[in-house]
Amino acid sequence: MAHIDKDELEHLAELARIELSPEEEQGLLNDFTGILNRFQELESLDVSHVTGMTGGTNMENVFRIEDEIVPLDNSARSAFPEEQNGYAKVPKVFEGR
């Protein structure tokens, strides 16, 4: 049975800079004991047959395709009337130093 004692709880409360009433201390001691017991239960499980995961899912993004450069069509040319080397030219957004 995992257990956290009152001194450890007071130390954690001091680190977190919170003040606890005696009722809150007792409630937290009970909660921490329950949480630690649950972890102890989990540690006893045999998970040797379970495949590890790194991202929470094995799904892949099937919508991402390779980028390709396409020439400006007429509707895009009207939105960006200036052109330089085949690319739409837009006003500067940031001033260089």
PDB file of N, CA and C in Angstrom:
ATOM      1  N   MET A   1       0.840  -1.181   0.000  1.00  0.00           N
ATOM      2  CA  MET A   1       0.000   0.000   0.000  1.00  0.00           C
ATOM      3  C   MET A   1       0.885   1.243   0.000  1.00  0.00           C
ATOM      4  N   ALA A   2       0.746   2.048  -1.028  1.00  0.00           N
ATOM      5  CA  ALA A   2       1.514   3.285  -1.121  1.00  0.00           C
ATOM      6  C   ALA A   2       0.920   4.316  -0.166  1.00  0.00           C
ATOM      7  N   HIS A   3       1.785   5.179   0.322  1.00  0.00           N
ATOM      8  CA  HIS A   3       1.310   6.138   1.320  1.00  0.00           C
ATOM      9  C   HIS A   3       2.156   7.404   1.246  1.00  0.00           C
ATOM     10  N   ILE A   4       1.521   8.521   1.456  1.00  0.00           N
ATOM     11  CA  ILE A   4       2.216   9.803   1.595  1.00  0.00           C
ATOM     12  C   ILE A   4       1.869  10.313   2.988  1.00  0.00           C
ATOM     13  N   ASP A   5       2.883  10.745   3.716  1.00  0.00           N
ATOM     14  CA  ASP A   5       2.598  11.176   5.090  1.00  0.00           C
ATOM     15  C   ASP A   5       2.385  12.693   5.163  1.00  0.00           C
ATOM     16  N   LYS A   6       1.993  13.130   6.332  1.00  0.00           N
ATOM     17  CA  LYS A   6       1.639  14.539   6.550  1.00  0.00           C
ATOM     18  C   LYS A   6       2.832  15.461   6.303  1.00  0.00           C
ATOM     19  N   ASP A   7       4.034  15.038   6.703  1.00  0.00           N
ATOM     20  CA  ASP A   7       5.226  15.870   6.479  1.00  0.00           C
ATOM     21  C   ASP A   7       5.492  16.074   4.995  1.00  0.00           C
ATOM     22  N   GLU A   8       5.349  15.006   4.207  1.00  0.00           N
ATOM     23  CA  GLU A   8       5.545  15.122   2.755  1.00  0.00           C
ATOM     24  C   GLU A   8       4.492  16.046   2.144  1.00  0.00           C
ATOM     25  N   LEU A   9       3.258  15.929   2.587  1.00  0.00           N
ATOM     26  CA  LEU A   9       2.189  16.786   2.077  1.00  0.00           C
ATOM     27  C   LEU A   9       2.455  18.248   2.424  1.00  0.00           C
ATOM     28  N   GLU A  10       2.891  18.516   3.643  1.00  0.00           N
ATOM     29  CA  GLU A  10       3.195  19.895   4.041  1.00  0.00           C
ATOM     30  C   GLU A  10       4.357  20.448   3.212  1.00  0.00           C
ATOM     31  N   HIS A  11       5.336  19.602   2.918  1.00  0.00           N
ATOM     32  CA  HIS A  11       6.468  20.036   2.089  1.00  0.00           C
ATOM     33  C   HIS A  11       5.983  20.382   0.679  1.00  0.00           C
ATOM     34  N   LEU A  12       5.119  19.536   0.105  1.00  0.00           N
ATOM     35  CA  LEU A  12       4.575  19.813  -1.225  1.00  0.00           C
ATOM     36  C   LEU A  12       3.743  21.093  -1.232  1.00  0.00           C
ATOM     37  N   ALA A  13       2.957  21.300  -0.193  1.00  0.00           N
ATOM     38  CA  ALA A  13       2.141  22.509  -0.093  1.00  0.00           C
ATOM     39  C   ALA A  13       3.027  23.744   0.005  1.00  0.00           C
ATOM     40  N   GLU A  14       4.130  23.620   0.717  1.00  0.00           N
ATOM     41  CA  GLU A  14       5.068  24.744   0.840  1.00  0.00           C
ATOM     42  C   GLU A  14       5.704  25.046  -0.527  1.00  0.00           C
ATOM     43  N   LEU A  15       6.091  24.005  -1.251  1.00  0.00           N
ATOM     44  CA  LEU A  15       6.677  24.205  -2.573  1.00  0.00           C
ATOM     45  C   LEU A  15       5.681  24.858  -3.530  1.00  0.00           C
ATOM     46  N   ALA A  16       4.415  24.465  -3.414  1.00  0.00           N
ATOM     47  CA  ALA A  16       3.372  25.016  -4.273  1.00  0.00           C
ATOM     48  C   ALA A  16       2.849  26.353  -3.758  1.00  0.00           C
ATOM     49  N   ARG A  17       3.314  26.738  -2.595  1.00  0.00           N
ATOM     50  CA  ARG A  17       2.899  27.996  -1.954  1.00  0.00           C
ATOM     51  C   ARG A  17       1.391  28.069  -1.771  1.00  0.00           C
ATOM     52  N   ILE A  18       0.840  26.978  -1.222  1.00  0.00           N
ATOM     53  CA  ILE A  18      -0.585  26.960  -0.902  1.00  0.00           C
ATOM     54  C   ILE A  18      -0.754  26.631   0.575  1.00  0.00           C
ATOM     55  N   GLU A  19      -1.794  27.198   1.159  1.00  0.00           N
ATOM     56  CA  GLU A  19      -2.110  26.912   2.553  1.00  0.00           C
ATOM     57  C   GLU A  19      -3.275  25.941   2.583  1.00  0.00           C
ATOM     58  N   LEU A  20      -3.144  24.927   3.436  1.00  0.00           N
ATOM     59  CA  LEU A  20      -4.184  23.907   3.546  1.00  0.00           C
ATOM     60  C   LEU A  20      -4.754  23.880   4.951  1.00  0.00           C
ATOM     61  N   SER A  21      -6.066  23.782   5.025  1.00  0.00           N
ATOM     62  CA  SER A  21      -6.710  23.602   6.326  1.00  0.00           C
ATOM     63  C   SER A  21      -6.528  22.134   6.728  1.00  0.00           C
ATOM     64  N   PRO A  22      -6.725  21.809   7.991  1.00  0.00           N
ATOM     65  CA  PRO A  22      -6.611  20.406   8.420  1.00  0.00           C
ATOM     66  C   PRO A  22      -7.543  19.469   7.637  1.00  0.00           C
ATOM     67  N   GLU A  23      -8.737  19.943   7.298  1.00  0.00           N
ATOM     68  CA  GLU A  23      -9.667  19.122   6.521  1.00  0.00           C
ATOM     69  C   GLU A  23      -9.140  18.884   5.111  1.00  0.00           C
ATOM     70  N   GLU A  24      -8.579  19.944   4.503  1.00  0.00           N
ATOM     71  CA  GLU A  24      -8.012  19.801   3.162  1.00  0.00           C
ATOM     72  C   GLU A  24      -6.807  18.861   3.181  1.00  0.00           C
ATOM     73  N   GLU A  25      -5.980  18.972   4.224  1.00  0.00           N
ATOM     74  CA  GLU A  25      -4.824  18.079   4.344  1.00  0.00           C
ATOM     75  C   GLU A  25      -5.274  16.633   4.385  1.00  0.00           C
ATOM     76  N   GLN A  26      -6.271  16.337   5.211  1.00  0.00           N
ATOM     77  CA  GLN A  26      -6.744  14.955   5.343  1.00  0.00           C
ATOM     78  C   GLN A  26      -7.331  14.463   4.020  1.00  0.00           C
ATOM     79  N   GLY A  27      -8.093  15.314   3.374  1.00  0.00           N
ATOM     80  CA  GLY A  27      -8.671  14.935   2.076  1.00  0.00           C
ATOM     81  C   GLY A  27      -7.594  14.652   1.037  1.00  0.00           C
ATOM     82  N   LEU A  28      -6.564  15.514   0.984  1.00  0.00           N
ATOM     83  CA  LEU A  28      -5.474  15.300   0.036  1.00  0.00           C
ATOM     84  C   LEU A  28      -4.664  14.060   0.373  1.00  0.00           C
ATOM     85  N   LEU A  29      -4.439  13.813   1.664  1.00  0.00           N
ATOM     86  CA  LEU A  29      -3.728  12.597   2.052  1.00  0.00           C
ATOM     87  C   LEU A  29      -4.477  11.360   1.562  1.00  0.00           C
ATOM     88  N   ASN A  30      -5.800  11.358   1.712  1.00  0.00           N
ATOM     89  CA  ASN A  30      -6.612  10.237   1.242  1.00  0.00           C
ATOM     90  C   ASN A  30      -6.550  10.124  -0.285  1.00  0.00           C
ATOM     91  N   ASP A  31      -6.655  11.268  -0.965  1.00  0.00           N
ATOM     92  CA  ASP A  31      -6.611  11.265  -2.428  1.00  0.00           C
ATOM     93  C   ASP A  31      -5.267  10.758  -2.940  1.00  0.00           C
ATOM     94  N   PHE A  32      -4.168  11.278  -2.373  1.00  0.00           N
ATOM     95  CA  PHE A  32      -2.835  10.849  -2.807  1.00  0.00           C
ATOM     96  C   PHE A  32      -2.630   9.354  -2.560  1.00  0.00           C
ATOM     97  N   THR A  33      -3.093   8.878  -1.428  1.00  0.00           N
ATOM     98  CA  THR A  33      -2.961   7.450  -1.126  1.00  0.00           C
ATOM     99  C   THR A  33      -3.718   6.616  -2.154  1.00  0.00           C
ATOM    100  N   GLY A  34      -4.917   7.046  -2.509  1.00  0.00           N
ATOM    101  CA  GLY A  34      -5.695   6.334  -3.525  1.00  0.00           C
ATOM    102  C   GLY A  34      -5.013   6.345  -4.887  1.00  0.00           C
ATOM    103  N   ILE A  35      -4.462   7.498  -5.269  1.00  0.00           N
ATOM    104  CA  ILE A  35      -3.772   7.619  -6.560  1.00  0.00           C
ATOM    105  C   ILE A  35      -2.538   6.726  -6.582  1.00  0.00           C
ATOM    106  N   LEU A  36      -1.739   6.778  -5.519  1.00  0.00           N
ATOM    107  CA  LEU A  36      -0.530   5.956  -5.463  1.00  0.00           C
ATOM    108  C   LEU A  36      -0.866   4.474  -5.460  1.00  0.00           C
ATOM    109  N   ASN A  37      -1.943   4.094  -4.786  1.00  0.00           N
ATOM    110  CA  ASN A  37      -2.371   2.692  -4.798  1.00  0.00           C
ATOM    111  C   ASN A  37      -2.774   2.260  -6.202  1.00  0.00           C
ATOM    112  N   ARG A  38      -3.435   3.136  -6.930  1.00  0.00           N
ATOM    113  CA  ARG A  38      -3.840   2.805  -8.303  1.00  0.00           C
ATOM    114  C   ARG A  38      -2.606   2.581  -9.178  1.00  0.00           C
ATOM    115  N   PHE A  39      -1.581   3.427  -9.025  1.00  0.00           N
ATOM    116  CA  PHE A  39      -0.342   3.233  -9.783  1.00  0.00           C
ATOM    117  C   PHE A  39       0.328   1.921  -9.395  1.00  0.00           C
ATOM    118  N   GLN A  40       0.263   1.581  -8.135  1.00  0.00           N
ATOM    119  CA  GLN A  40       0.847   0.318  -7.682  1.00  0.00           C
ATOM    120  C   GLN A  40       0.120  -0.862  -8.342  1.00  0.00           C
ATOM    121  N   GLU A  41      -1.205  -0.774  -8.469  1.00  0.00           N
ATOM    122  CA  GLU A  41      -1.965  -1.805  -9.169  1.00  0.00           C
ATOM    123  C   GLU A  41      -1.527  -1.905 -10.624  1.00  0.00           C
ATOM    124  N   LEU A  42      -1.361  -0.753 -11.282  1.00  0.00           N
ATOM    125  CA  LEU A  42      -0.963  -0.739 -12.692  1.00  0.00           C
ATOM    126  C   LEU A  42       0.423  -1.343 -12.893  1.00  0.00           C
ATOM    127  N   GLU A  43       1.330  -1.101 -11.943  1.00  0.00           N
ATOM    128  CA  GLU A  43       2.678  -1.639 -12.059  1.00  0.00           C
ATOM    129  C   GLU A  43       2.685  -3.161 -11.984  1.00  0.00           C
ATOM    130  N   SER A  44       1.694  -3.751 -11.370  1.00  0.00           N
ATOM    131  CA  SER A  44       1.661  -5.204 -11.227  1.00  0.00           C
ATOM    132  C   SER A  44       1.115  -5.905 -12.473  1.00  0.00           C
ATOM    133  N   LEU A  45       0.575  -5.158 -13.437  1.00  0.00           N
ATOM    134  CA  LEU A  45       0.010  -5.760 -14.645  1.00  0.00           C
ATOM    135  C   LEU A  45       1.111  -6.210 -15.598  1.00  0.00           C
ATOM    136  N   ASP A  46       0.878  -7.328 -16.286  1.00  0.00           N
ATOM    137  CA  ASP A  46       1.808  -7.816 -17.295  1.00  0.00           C
ATOM    138  C   ASP A  46       1.450  -7.166 -18.630  1.00  0.00           C
ATOM    139  N   VAL A  47       2.304  -6.294 -19.110  1.00  0.00           N
ATOM    140  CA  VAL A  47       2.059  -5.605 -20.374  1.00  0.00           C
ATOM    141  C   VAL A  47       3.104  -5.990 -21.418  1.00  0.00           C
ATOM    142  N   SER A  48       3.751  -7.133 -21.237  1.00  0.00           N
ATOM    143  CA  SER A  48       4.808  -7.550 -22.158  1.00  0.00           C
ATOM    144  C   SER A  48       4.264  -7.832 -23.555  1.00  0.00           C
ATOM    145  N   HIS A  49       2.993  -8.142 -23.682  1.00  0.00           N
ATOM    146  CA  HIS A  49       2.390  -8.436 -24.983  1.00  0.00           C
ATOM    147  C   HIS A  49       1.776  -7.200 -25.655  1.00  0.00           C
ATOM    148  N   VAL A  50       1.828  -6.048 -25.011  1.00  0.00           N
ATOM    149  CA  VAL A  50       1.222  -4.827 -25.532  1.00  0.00           C
ATOM    150  C   VAL A  50       2.253  -4.061 -26.346  1.00  0.00           C
ATOM    151  N   THR A  51       1.862  -3.678 -27.550  1.00  0.00           N
ATOM    152  CA  THR A  51       2.752  -2.897 -28.410  1.00  0.00           C
ATOM    153  C   THR A  51       2.812  -1.463 -27.910  1.00  0.00           C
ATOM    154  N   GLY A  52       4.021  -0.938 -27.794  1.00  0.00           N
ATOM    155  CA  GLY A  52       4.195   0.436 -27.336  1.00  0.00           C
ATOM    156  C   GLY A  52       3.723   1.445 -28.369  1.00  0.00           C
ATOM    157  N   MET A  53       3.297   2.605 -27.882  1.00  0.00           N
ATOM    158  CA  MET A  53       2.842   3.674 -28.762  1.00  0.00           C
ATOM    159  C   MET A  53       3.616   4.931 -28.431  1.00  0.00           C
ATOM    160  N   THR A  54       3.869   5.746 -29.446  1.00  0.00           N
ATOM    161  CA  THR A  54       4.611   6.972 -29.199  1.00  0.00           C
ATOM    162  C   THR A  54       3.768   8.220 -29.374  1.00  0.00           C
ATOM    163  N   GLY A  55       2.674   8.138 -30.116  1.00  0.00           N
ATOM    164  CA  GLY A  55       1.896   9.339 -30.368  1.00  0.00           C
ATOM    165  C   GLY A  55       0.442   9.218 -30.000  1.00  0.00           C
ATOM    166  N   GLY A  56       0.061   8.133 -29.395  1.00  0.00           N
ATOM    167  CA  GLY A  56      -1.326   7.966 -29.007  1.00  0.00           C
ATOM    168  C   GLY A  56      -2.176   7.308 -30.074  1.00  0.00           C
ATOM    169  N   THR A  57      -1.636   7.149 -31.282  1.00  0.00           N
ATOM    170  CA  THR A  57      -2.398   6.544 -32.363  1.00  0.00           C
ATOM    171  C   THR A  57      -1.443   6.032 -33.433  1.00  0.00           C
ATOM    172  N   ASN A  58      -1.905   5.078 -34.203  1.00  0.00           N
ATOM    173  CA  ASN A  58      -1.120   4.568 -35.322  1.00  0.00           C
ATOM    174  C   ASN A  58      -1.581   5.147 -36.648  1.00  0.00           C
ATOM    175  N   MET A  59      -2.487   6.108 -36.593  1.00  0.00           N
ATOM    176  CA  MET A  59      -3.038   6.681 -37.812  1.00  0.00           C
ATOM    177  C   MET A  59      -2.011   7.550 -38.524  1.00  0.00           C
ATOM    178  N   GLU A  60      -2.125   7.609 -39.847  1.00  0.00           N
ATOM    179  CA  GLU A  60      -1.264   8.451 -40.651  1.00  0.00           C
ATOM    180  C   GLU A  60      -2.106   9.508 -41.339  1.00  0.00           C
ATOM    181  N   ASN A  61      -1.507  10.632 -41.627  1.00  0.00           N
ATOM    182  CA  ASN A  61      -2.187  11.690 -42.354  1.00  0.00           C
ATOM    183  C   ASN A  61      -2.218  11.306 -43.830  1.00  0.00           C
ATOM    184  N   VAL A  62      -3.387  10.942 -44.324  1.00  0.00           N
ATOM    185  CA  VAL A  62      -3.494  10.532 -45.718  1.00  0.00           C
ATOM    186  C   VAL A  62      -3.840  11.704 -46.631  1.00  0.00           C
ATOM    187  N   PHE A  63      -4.075  12.861 -46.085  1.00  0.00           N
ATOM    188  CA  PHE A  63      -4.445  14.010 -46.884  1.00  0.00           C
ATOM    189  C   PHE A  63      -3.244  14.809 -47.355  1.00  0.00           C
ATOM    190  N   ARG A  64      -2.121  14.650 -46.723  1.00  0.00           N
ATOM    191  CA  ARG A  64      -0.933  15.415 -47.082  1.00  0.00           C
ATOM    192  C   ARG A  64      -0.358  14.866 -48.372  1.00  0.00           C
ATOM    193  N   ILE A  65      -0.190  15.729 -49.342  1.00  0.00           N
ATOM    194  CA  ILE A  65       0.450  15.340 -50.599  1.00  0.00           C
ATOM    195  C   ILE A  65       1.690  16.195 -50.783  1.00  0.00           C
ATOM    196  N   GLU A  66       2.520  15.804 -51.699  1.00  0.00           N
ATOM    197  CA  GLU A  66       3.723  16.579 -51.968  1.00  0.00           C
ATOM    198  C   GLU A  66       3.357  17.951 -52.513  1.00  0.00           C
ATOM    199  N   ASP A  67       4.115  18.954 -52.117  1.00  0.00           N
ATOM    200  CA  ASP A  67       3.912  20.298 -52.644  1.00  0.00           C
ATOM    201  C   ASP A  67       4.358  20.333 -54.095  1.00  0.00           C
ATOM    202  N   GLU A  68       3.649  21.074 -54.885  1.00  0.00           N
ATOM    203  CA  GLU A  68       4.066  21.265 -56.266  1.00  0.00           C
ATOM    204  C   GLU A  68       3.873  22.727 -56.645  1.00  0.00           C
ATOM    205  N   ILE A  69       4.758  23.199 -57.479  1.00  0.00           N
ATOM    206  CA  ILE A  69       4.680  24.585 -57.945  1.00  0.00           C
ATOM    207  C   ILE A  69       3.798  24.606 -59.167  1.00  0.00           C
ATOM    208  N   VAL A  70       2.779  25.445 -59.108  1.00  0.00           N
ATOM    209  CA  VAL A  70       1.879  25.590 -60.261  1.00  0.00           C
ATOM    210  C   VAL A  70       1.943  27.032 -60.744  1.00  0.00           C
ATOM    211  N   PRO A  71       1.911  27.214 -62.039  1.00  0.00           N
ATOM    212  CA  PRO A  71       1.974  28.586 -62.562  1.00  0.00           C
ATOM    213  C   PRO A  71       0.702  29.357 -62.212  1.00  0.00           C
ATOM    214  N   LEU A  72       0.825  30.681 -62.151  1.00  0.00           N
ATOM    215  CA  LEU A  72      -0.338  31.518 -61.855  1.00  0.00           C
ATOM    216  C   LEU A  72      -1.349  31.421 -62.985  1.00  0.00           C
ATOM    217  N   ASP A  73      -2.626  31.244 -62.626  1.00  0.00           N
ATOM    218  CA  ASP A  73      -3.652  31.300 -63.659  1.00  0.00           C
ATOM    219  C   ASP A  73      -4.163  32.736 -63.756  1.00  0.00           C
ATOM    220  N   ASN A  74      -5.068  32.987 -64.657  1.00  0.00           N
ATOM    221  CA  ASN A  74      -5.527  34.363 -64.898  1.00  0.00           C
ATOM    222  C   ASN A  74      -6.211  34.978 -63.699  1.00  0.00           C
ATOM    223  N   SER A  75      -6.988  34.201 -62.929  1.00  0.00           N
ATOM    224  CA  SER A  75      -7.682  34.775 -61.768  1.00  0.00           C
ATOM    225  C   SER A  75      -6.666  35.182 -60.695  1.00  0.00           C
ATOM    226  N   ALA A  76      -5.606  34.405 -60.533  1.00  0.00           N
ATOM    227  CA  ALA A  76      -4.576  34.761 -59.561  1.00  0.00           C
ATOM    228  C   ALA A  76      -3.778  35.968 -60.044  1.00  0.00           C
ATOM    229  N   ARG A  77      -3.551  36.033 -61.343  1.00  0.00           N
ATOM    230  CA  ARG A  77      -2.795  37.174 -61.897  1.00  0.00           C
ATOM    231  C   ARG A  77      -3.527  38.494 -61.651  1.00  0.00           C
ATOM    232  N   SER A  78      -4.844  38.467 -61.691  1.00  0.00           N
ATOM    233  CA  SER A  78      -5.579  39.712 -61.472  1.00  0.00           C
ATOM    234  C   SER A  78      -5.495  40.144 -60.005  1.00  0.00           C
ATOM    235  N   ALA A  79      -5.358  39.192 -59.078  1.00  0.00           N
ATOM    236  CA  ALA A  79      -5.237  39.530 -57.663  1.00  0.00           C
ATOM    237  C   ALA A  79      -3.843  40.052 -57.338  1.00  0.00           C
ATOM    238  N   PHE A  80      -2.842  39.587 -58.095  1.00  0.00           N
ATOM    239  CA  PHE A  80      -1.454  40.015 -57.905  1.00  0.00           C
ATOM    240  C   PHE A  80      -0.922  40.513 -59.239  1.00  0.00           C
ATOM    241  N   PRO A  81      -1.156  41.781 -59.541  1.00  0.00           N
ATOM    242  CA  PRO A  81      -0.799  42.276 -60.874  1.00  0.00           C
ATOM    243  C   PRO A  81       0.708  42.313 -61.147  1.00  0.00           C
ATOM    244  N   GLU A  82       1.520  42.395 -60.096  1.00  0.00           N
ATOM    245  CA  GLU A  82       2.965  42.423 -60.327  1.00  0.00           C
ATOM    246  C   GLU A  82       3.523  41.007 -60.280  1.00  0.00           C
ATOM    247  N   GLU A  83       4.523  40.756 -61.102  1.00  0.00           N
ATOM    248  CA  GLU A  83       5.121  39.435 -61.185  1.00  0.00           C
ATOM    249  C   GLU A  83       6.630  39.587 -61.316  1.00  0.00           C
ATOM    250  N   GLN A  84       7.363  38.651 -60.742  1.00  0.00           N
ATOM    251  CA  GLN A  84       8.815  38.679 -60.847  1.00  0.00           C
ATOM    252  C   GLN A  84       9.306  37.239 -60.969  1.00  0.00           C
ATOM    253  N   ASN A  85       9.982  36.927 -62.033  1.00  0.00           N
ATOM    254  CA  ASN A  85      10.516  35.586 -62.292  1.00  0.00           C
ATOM    255  C   ASN A  85       9.439  34.501 -62.226  1.00  0.00           C
ATOM    256  N   GLY A  86       8.241  34.819 -62.676  1.00  0.00           N
ATOM    257  CA  GLY A  86       7.168  33.829 -62.695  1.00  0.00           C
ATOM    258  C   GLY A  86       6.408  33.693 -61.385  1.00  0.00           C
ATOM    259  N   TYR A  87       6.772  34.482 -60.379  1.00  0.00           N
ATOM    260  CA  TYR A  87       6.096  34.424 -59.070  1.00  0.00           C
ATOM    261  C   TYR A  87       5.308  35.697 -58.841  1.00  0.00           C
ATOM    262  N   ALA A  88       4.218  35.600 -58.092  1.00  0.00           N
ATOM    263  CA  ALA A  88       3.440  36.784 -57.733  1.00  0.00           C
ATOM    264  C   ALA A  88       4.273  37.642 -56.802  1.00  0.00           C
ATOM    265  N   LYS A  89       4.287  38.923 -57.060  1.00  0.00           N
ATOM    266  CA  LYS A  89       5.050  39.854 -56.233  1.00  0.00           C
ATOM    267  C   LYS A  89       4.067  40.590 -55.326  1.00  0.00           C
ATOM    268  N   VAL A  90       4.355  40.581 -54.034  1.00  0.00           N
ATOM    269  CA  VAL A  90       3.488  41.230 -53.058  1.00  0.00           C
ATOM    270  C   VAL A  90       4.290  42.281 -52.298  1.00  0.00           C
ATOM    271  N   PRO A  91       3.602  43.247 -51.669  1.00  0.00           N
ATOM    272  CA  PRO A  91       4.327  44.264 -50.912  1.00  0.00           C
ATOM    273  C   PRO A  91       5.056  43.637 -49.722  1.00  0.00           C
ATOM    274  N   LYS A  92       6.120  44.301 -49.292  1.00  0.00           N
ATOM    275  CA  LYS A  92       6.888  43.830 -48.134  1.00  0.00           C
ATOM    276  C   LYS A  92       6.004  43.858 -46.896  1.00  0.00           C
ATOM    277  N   VAL A  93       6.184  42.867 -46.073  1.00  0.00           N
ATOM    278  CA  VAL A  93       5.448  42.792 -44.817  1.00  0.00           C
ATOM    279  C   VAL A  93       6.362  43.269 -43.683  1.00  0.00           C
ATOM    280  N   PHE A  94       7.613  42.879 -43.734  1.00  0.00           N
ATOM    281  CA  PHE A  94       8.589  43.262 -42.709  1.00  0.00           C
ATOM    282  C   PHE A  94       9.674  44.092 -43.366  1.00  0.00           C
ATOM    283  N   GLU A  95      10.126  45.080 -42.650  1.00  0.00           N
ATOM    284  CA  GLU A  95      11.241  45.889 -43.124  1.00  0.00           C
ATOM    285  C   GLU A  95      12.540  45.236 -42.738  1.00  0.00           C
ATOM    286  N   GLY A  96      13.466  45.119 -43.670  1.00  0.00           N
ATOM    287  CA  GLY A  96      14.771  44.546 -43.372  1.00  0.00           C
ATOM    288  C   GLY A  96      15.665  45.566 -42.701  1.00  0.00           C
ATOM    289  N   ARG A  97      16.699  45.099 -42.048  1.00  0.00           N
ATOM    290  CA  ARG A  97      17.628  46.000 -41.373  1.00  0.00           C
ATOM    291  C   ARG A  97      18.773  46.340 -42.267  1.00  0.00           C
TER     292      ARG A  97
END
